C-alpha atoms as a PDB file:
ATOM      1  CA  UNK A   1       0.492   0.375  -0.078  1.00  0.00           C
ATOM      2  CA  UNK A   2       2.995   2.559   0.905  1.00  0.00           C
ATOM      3  CA  UNK A   3       3.844   2.485  -2.801  1.00  0.00           C
ATOM      4  CA  UNK A   4       0.178   2.944  -4.224  1.00  0.00           C
ATOM      5  CA  UNK A   5       0.709   5.657  -1.567  1.00  0.00           C
ATOM      6  CA  UNK A   6       3.551   7.105  -2.890  1.00  0.00           C
ATOM      7  CA  UNK A   7       1.762   7.175  -7.020  1.00  0.00           C
ATOM      8  CA  UNK A   8      -1.432   9.311  -6.024  1.00  0.00           C
ATOM      9  CA  UNK A   9       1.046  11.608  -4.547  1.00  0.00           C
ATOM     10  CA  UNK A  10       3.736  12.214  -6.875  1.00  0.00           C
ATOM     11  CA  UNK A  11       0.008  11.882  -9.703  1.00  0.00           C
ATOM     12  CA  UNK A  12      -1.702  14.955  -7.132  1.00  0.00           C
ATOM     13  CA  UNK A  13       1.658  16.616  -6.948  1.00  0.00           C
ATOM     14  CA  UNK A  14       1.905  16.751 -10.574  1.00  0.00           C
ATOM     15  CA  UNK A  15      -1.205  17.593 -11.645  1.00  0.00           C
ATOM     16  CA  UNK A  16      -1.223  21.241  -9.019  1.00  0.00           C
ATOM     17  CA  UNK A  17       2.187  21.665 -11.185  1.00  0.00           C
ATOM     18  CA  UNK A  18       0.515  21.652 -13.890  1.00  0.00           C
ATOM     19  CA  UNK A  19      -2.319  24.513 -12.901  1.00  0.00           C
ATOM     20  CA  UNK A  20       0.322  26.359 -11.343  1.00  0.00           C
ATOM     21  CA  UNK A  21       1.886  26.425 -14.876  1.00  0.00           C
ATOM     22  CA  UNK A  22      -1.151  26.526 -16.452  1.00  0.00           C
ATOM     23  CA  UNK A  23      -1.909  29.996 -14.494  1.00  0.00           C
ATOM     24  CA  UNK A  24       1.540  31.878 -15.076  1.00  0.00           C
ATOM     25  CA  UNK A  25       1.637  30.749 -18.268  1.00  0.00           C
ATOM     26  CA  UNK A  26      -0.690  32.826 -19.770  1.00  0.00           C
ATOM     27  CA  UNK A  27       0.337  36.134 -17.868  1.00  0.00           C
ATOM     28  CA  UNK A  28       3.786  35.938 -18.648  1.00  0.00           C
ATOM     29  CA  UNK A  29       2.984  35.341 -22.582  1.00  0.00           C
ATOM     30  CA  UNK A  30       0.168  38.169 -22.580  1.00  0.00           C
ATOM     31  CA  UNK A  31       2.759  40.721 -20.675  1.00  0.00           C
ATOM     32  CA  UNK A  32       5.133  39.390 -23.998  1.00  0.00           C
ATOM     33  CA  UNK A  33       2.610  40.249 -26.772  1.00  0.00           C
ATOM     34  CA  UNK A  34       2.127  43.741 -25.033  1.00  0.00           C
ATOM     35  CA  UNK A  35       5.715  44.222 -24.796  1.00  0.00           C
ATOM     36  CA  UNK A  36       5.851  43.143 -28.262  1.00  0.00           C
ATOM     37  CA  UNK A  37       2.892  45.328 -29.489  1.00  0.00           C
ATOM     38  CA  UNK A  38       4.466  48.384 -27.580  1.00  0.00           C
ATOM     39  CA  UNK A  39       7.744  47.870 -29.820  1.00  0.00           C
ATOM     40  CA  UNK A  40       6.451  47.358 -32.701  1.00  0.00           C
ATOM     41  CA  UNK A  41       4.347  50.035 -32.364  1.00  0.00           C
ATOM     42  CA  UNK A  42       7.228  52.705 -31.182  1.00  0.00           C
ATOM     43  CA  UNK A  43       9.261  51.731 -34.228  1.00  0.00           C
ATOM     44  CA  UNK A  44       6.461  51.999 -36.878  1.00  0.00           C
ATOM     45  CA  UNK A  45       5.742  56.101 -35.220  1.00  0.00           C
ATOM     46  CA  UNK A  46       9.509  56.297 -35.304  1.00  0.00           C
ATOM     47  CA  UNK A  47       9.987  55.323 -39.233  1.00  0.00           C
ATOM     48  CA  UNK A  48       6.332  57.480 -40.581  1.00  0.00           C
ATOM     49  CA  UNK A  49       8.311  60.592 -38.987  1.00  0.00           C
ATOM     50  CA  UNK A  50      12.017  59.883 -40.739  1.00  0.00           C
ATOM     51  CA  UNK A  51      10.180  59.263 -43.920  1.00  0.00           C
ATOM     52  CA  UNK A  52       9.345  62.378 -46.785  1.00  0.00           C
ATOM     53  CA  UNK A  53       6.505  62.118 -48.376  1.00  0.00           C
ATOM     54  CA  UNK A  54       5.606  63.637 -52.220  1.00  0.00           C
ATOM     55  CA  UNK A  55       2.120  64.525 -52.432  1.00  0.00           C
ATOM     56  CA  UNK A  56       1.123  65.753 -56.496  1.00  0.00           C
ATOM     57  CA  UNK A  57      -1.914  67.930 -55.281  1.00  0.00           C
ATOM     58  CA  UNK A  58      -3.087  68.448 -59.142  1.00  0.00           C
ATOM     59  CA  UNK A  59      -2.412  65.221 -60.913  1.00  0.00           C
ATOM     60  CA  UNK A  60      -2.964  65.455 -64.552  1.00  0.00           C
ATOM     61  CA  UNK A  61      -4.571  62.560 -66.391  1.00  0.00           C
ATOM     62  CA  UNK A  62      -4.324  62.307 -70.335  1.00  0.00           C
ATOM     63  CA  UNK A  63      -6.649  60.369 -72.713  1.00  0.00           C
ATOM     64  CA  UNK A  64      -5.825  60.386 -76.134  1.00  0.00           C
ATOM     65  CA  UNK A  65      -7.493  58.554 -79.009  1.00  0.00           C
ATOM     66  CA  UNK A  66      -6.602  57.968 -82.686  1.00  0.00           C
ATOM     67  CA  UNK A  67      -9.546  58.901 -85.273  1.00  0.00           C
ATOM     68  CA  UNK A  68      -8.359  58.245 -89.022  1.00  0.00           C
ATOM     69  CA  UNK A  69     -11.432  59.881 -91.169  1.00  0.00           C
ATOM     70  CA  UNK A  70     -10.861  58.650 -94.525  1.00  0.00           C
ATOM     71  CA  UNK A  71     -12.553  61.258 -97.146  1.00  0.00           C
ATOM     72  CA  UNK A  72     -13.473  59.086-100.650  1.00  0.00           C
ATOM     73  CA  UNK A  73     -14.713  60.364-103.863  1.00  0.00           C
ATOM     74  CA  UNK A  74     -18.717  59.875-104.697  1.00  0.00           C
ATOM     75  CA  UNK A  75     -18.180  56.978-105.659  1.00  0.00           C
ATOM     76  CA  UNK A  76     -17.942  55.480-102.483  1.00  0.00           C
ATOM     77  CA  UNK A  77     -20.633  56.483-100.902  1.00  0.00           C
ATOM     78  CA  UNK A  78     -21.786  54.418 -98.026  1.00  0.00           C
ATOM     79  CA  UNK A  79     -25.413  54.984 -96.750  1.00  0.00           C
ATOM     80  CA  UNK A  80     -28.693  53.560 -96.925  1.00  0.00           C
ATOM     81  CA  UNK A  81     -32.569  54.734 -97.548  1.00  0.00           C
ATOM     82  CA  UNK A  82     -35.582  53.918 -96.555  1.00  0.00           C
ATOM     83  CA  UNK A  83     -38.584  53.628 -99.363  1.00  0.00           C
ATOM     84  CA  UNK A  84     -42.142  52.305 -99.236  1.00  0.00           C
ATOM     85  CA  UNK A  85     -45.444  52.807-100.205  1.00  0.00           C
ATOM     86  CA  UNK A  86     -48.950  54.160 -98.155  1.00  0.00           C
ATOM     87  CA  UNK A  87     -51.863  52.575 -97.521  1.00  0.00           C
ATOM     88  CA  UNK A  88     -55.617  53.444 -95.972  1.00  0.00           C
ATOM     89  CA  UNK A  89     -57.563  51.202 -94.791  1.00  0.00           C
ATOM     90  CA  UNK A  90     -58.156  47.269 -95.227  1.00  0.00           C
ATOM     91  CA  UNK A  91     -58.532  47.555 -98.539  1.00  0.00           C
ATOM     92  CA  UNK A  92     -55.380  49.011 -98.642  1.00  0.00           C
ATOM     93  CA  UNK A  93     -56.009  52.042-100.950  1.00  0.00           C
ATOM     94  CA  UNK A  94     -53.131  53.945-101.968  1.00  0.00           C
ATOM     95  CA  UNK A  95     -52.647  57.145 -99.948  1.00  0.00           C
ATOM     96  CA  UNK A  96     -50.772  59.915-101.522  1.00  0.00           C
ATOM     97  CA  UNK A  97     -50.244  62.835 -99.498  1.00  0.00           C
ATOM     98  CA  UNK A  98     -49.424  61.347 -96.551  1.00  0.00           C
ATOM     99  CA  UNK A  99     -47.154  63.307 -94.237  1.00  0.00           C
ATOM    100  CA  UNK A 100     -43.470  61.229 -93.345  1.00  0.00           C
ATOM    101  CA  UNK A 101     -41.299  61.785 -90.042  1.00  0.00           C
ATOM    102  CA  UNK A 102     -37.922  59.661 -89.946  1.00  0.00           C
ATOM    103  CA  UNK A 103     -36.420  59.542 -85.926  1.00  0.00           C
ATOM    104  CA  UNK A 104     -33.563  58.513 -84.979  1.00  0.00           C
ATOM    105  CA  UNK A 105     -34.041  55.751 -82.688  1.00  0.00           C
ATOM    106  CA  UNK A 106     -37.358  55.836 -80.678  1.00  0.00           C
ATOM    107  CA  UNK A 107     -37.311  60.024 -79.071  1.00  0.00           C
ATOM    108  CA  UNK A 108     -39.644  61.487 -81.560  1.00  0.00           C
ATOM    109  CA  UNK A 109     -38.637  65.525 -80.369  1.00  0.00           C
ATOM    110  CA  UNK A 110     -37.243  66.080 -83.483  1.00  0.00           C
ATOM    111  CA  UNK A 111     -37.381  64.150 -86.921  1.00  0.00           C
ATOM    112  CA  UNK A 112     -34.346  63.469 -88.912  1.00  0.00           C
ATOM    113  CA  UNK A 113     -36.091  63.964 -92.328  1.00  0.00           C
ATOM    114  CA  UNK A 114     -39.323  64.917 -92.845  1.00  0.00           C
ATOM    115  CA  UNK A 115     -40.967  63.900 -96.617  1.00  0.00           C
ATOM    116  CA  UNK A 116     -45.005  63.366 -98.395  1.00  0.00           C
ATOM    117  CA  UNK A 117     -45.587  60.155-100.274  1.00  0.00           C
ATOM    118  CA  UNK A 118     -46.510  60.930-103.898  1.00  0.00           C
ATOM    119  CA  UNK A 119     -49.772  60.579-106.020  1.00  0.00           C
ATOM    120  CA  UNK A 120     -49.032  57.020-105.687  1.00  0.00           C
ATOM    121  CA  UNK A 121     -48.676  56.776-102.392  1.00  0.00           C
ATOM    122  CA  UNK A 122     -44.635  56.241-102.565  1.00  0.00           C
ATOM    123  CA  UNK A 123     -42.150  57.936-100.794  1.00  0.00           C
ATOM    124  CA  UNK A 124     -38.327  57.238-100.514  1.00  0.00           C
ATOM    125  CA  UNK A 125     -35.824  58.960 -97.932  1.00  0.00           C
ATOM    126  CA  UNK A 126     -32.587  58.826 -98.906  1.00  0.00           C
ATOM    127  CA  UNK A 127     -28.445  59.544 -97.883  1.00  0.00           C
ATOM    128  CA  UNK A 128     -29.243  57.689 -94.446  1.00  0.00           C
ATOM    129  CA  UNK A 129     -25.650  56.979 -92.198  1.00  0.00           C
ATOM    130  CA  UNK A 130     -26.606  53.785 -90.454  1.00  0.00           C
ATOM    131  CA  UNK A 131     -28.593  53.552 -87.264  1.00  0.00           C
ATOM    132  CA  UNK A 132     -31.783  52.585 -85.591  1.00  0.00           C
ATOM    133  CA  UNK A 133     -34.798  54.676 -87.055  1.00  0.00           C
ATOM    134  CA  UNK A 134     -38.692  54.926 -86.396  1.00  0.00           C
ATOM    135  CA  UNK A 135     -40.922  56.361 -88.826  1.00  0.00           C
ATOM    136  CA  UNK A 136     -44.418  58.312 -88.397  1.00  0.00           C
ATOM    137  CA  UNK A 137     -46.939  58.815 -90.802  1.00  0.00           C
ATOM    138  CA  UNK A 138     -49.953  61.113 -90.484  1.00  0.00           C
ATOM    139  CA  UNK A 139     -52.536  61.252 -92.380  1.00  0.00           C
ATOM    140  CA  UNK A 140     -55.249  64.170 -91.454  1.00  0.00           C
ATOM    141  CA  UNK A 141     -56.016  64.445 -87.619  1.00  0.00           C
ATOM    142  CA  UNK A 142     -57.371  60.553 -87.038  1.00  0.00           C
ATOM    143  CA  UNK A 143     -55.150  58.387 -88.845  1.00  0.00           C
ATOM    144  CA  UNK A 144     -51.682  58.123 -87.270  1.00  0.00           C
ATOM    145  CA  UNK A 145     -48.491  55.154 -87.669  1.00  0.00           C
ATOM    146  CA  UNK A 146     -45.968  54.296 -85.885  1.00  0.00           C
ATOM    147  CA  UNK A 147     -43.510  51.459 -87.046  1.00  0.00           C
ATOM    148  CA  UNK A 148     -40.586  49.780 -84.313  1.00  0.00           C
ATOM    149  CA  UNK A 149     -36.702  50.219 -84.837  1.00  0.00           C
ATOM    150  CA  UNK A 150     -35.849  50.267 -88.981  1.00  0.00           C
ATOM    151  CA  UNK A 151     -32.181  48.871 -89.454  1.00  0.00           C
ATOM    152  CA  UNK A 152     -30.520  50.666 -91.584  1.00  0.00           C
ATOM    153  CA  UNK A 153     -27.050  49.504 -92.708  1.00  0.00           C
ATOM    154  CA  UNK A 154     -24.355  50.815 -95.279  1.00  0.00           C
ATOM    155  CA  UNK A 155     -25.395  50.777 -98.271  1.00  0.00           C
ATOM    156  CA  UNK A 156     -28.898  49.203 -97.787  1.00  0.00           C
ATOM    157  CA  UNK A 157     -32.156  49.593 -99.186  1.00  0.00           C
ATOM    158  CA  UNK A 158     -35.299  49.243 -97.081  1.00  0.00           C
ATOM    159  CA  UNK A 159     -38.366  48.456 -98.189  1.00  0.00           C
ATOM    160  CA  UNK A 160     -41.327  49.867 -95.663  1.00  0.00           C
ATOM    161  CA  UNK A 161     -44.713  49.342 -96.200  1.00  0.00           C
ATOM    162  CA  UNK A 162     -47.328  51.584 -93.932  1.00  0.00           C
ATOM    163  CA  UNK A 163     -50.964  50.974 -93.912  1.00  0.00           C
ATOM    164  CA  UNK A 164     -52.779  53.513 -92.061  1.00  0.00           C
END
């Protein structure tokens, strides 16, 4: 039994030492970390004071683009055109003197081109640059027609019939 008692006492002593070391260790490491932080902080501040900083208060930004414009002869005409005929009613009677407005895109503020259909109901809008257009046709106060986007490509002839 004496051996067993000695073993038990030794285990208790070891456990007490472990508990004491655990209590002591964190305090040492916390203190050590605080010292390191203080040193780093002091060193960092000292470096900031020693360094010169040059700041440009009026920075300049340059953007450049190269635009190449080639003006060719009259034979190199890349414009498109919109042609069509104006009709009226279900029977598709030809409508003459219909006022036609051409708008660039979908906005209807200022027309790009304005024309009237002839006595045969035909109209032509020429020399158009590439893009999307909208036609609005009016005959009197009651008959009005508006197209969806009309896509005009270079050298393209678009035929658009209008039914009022």
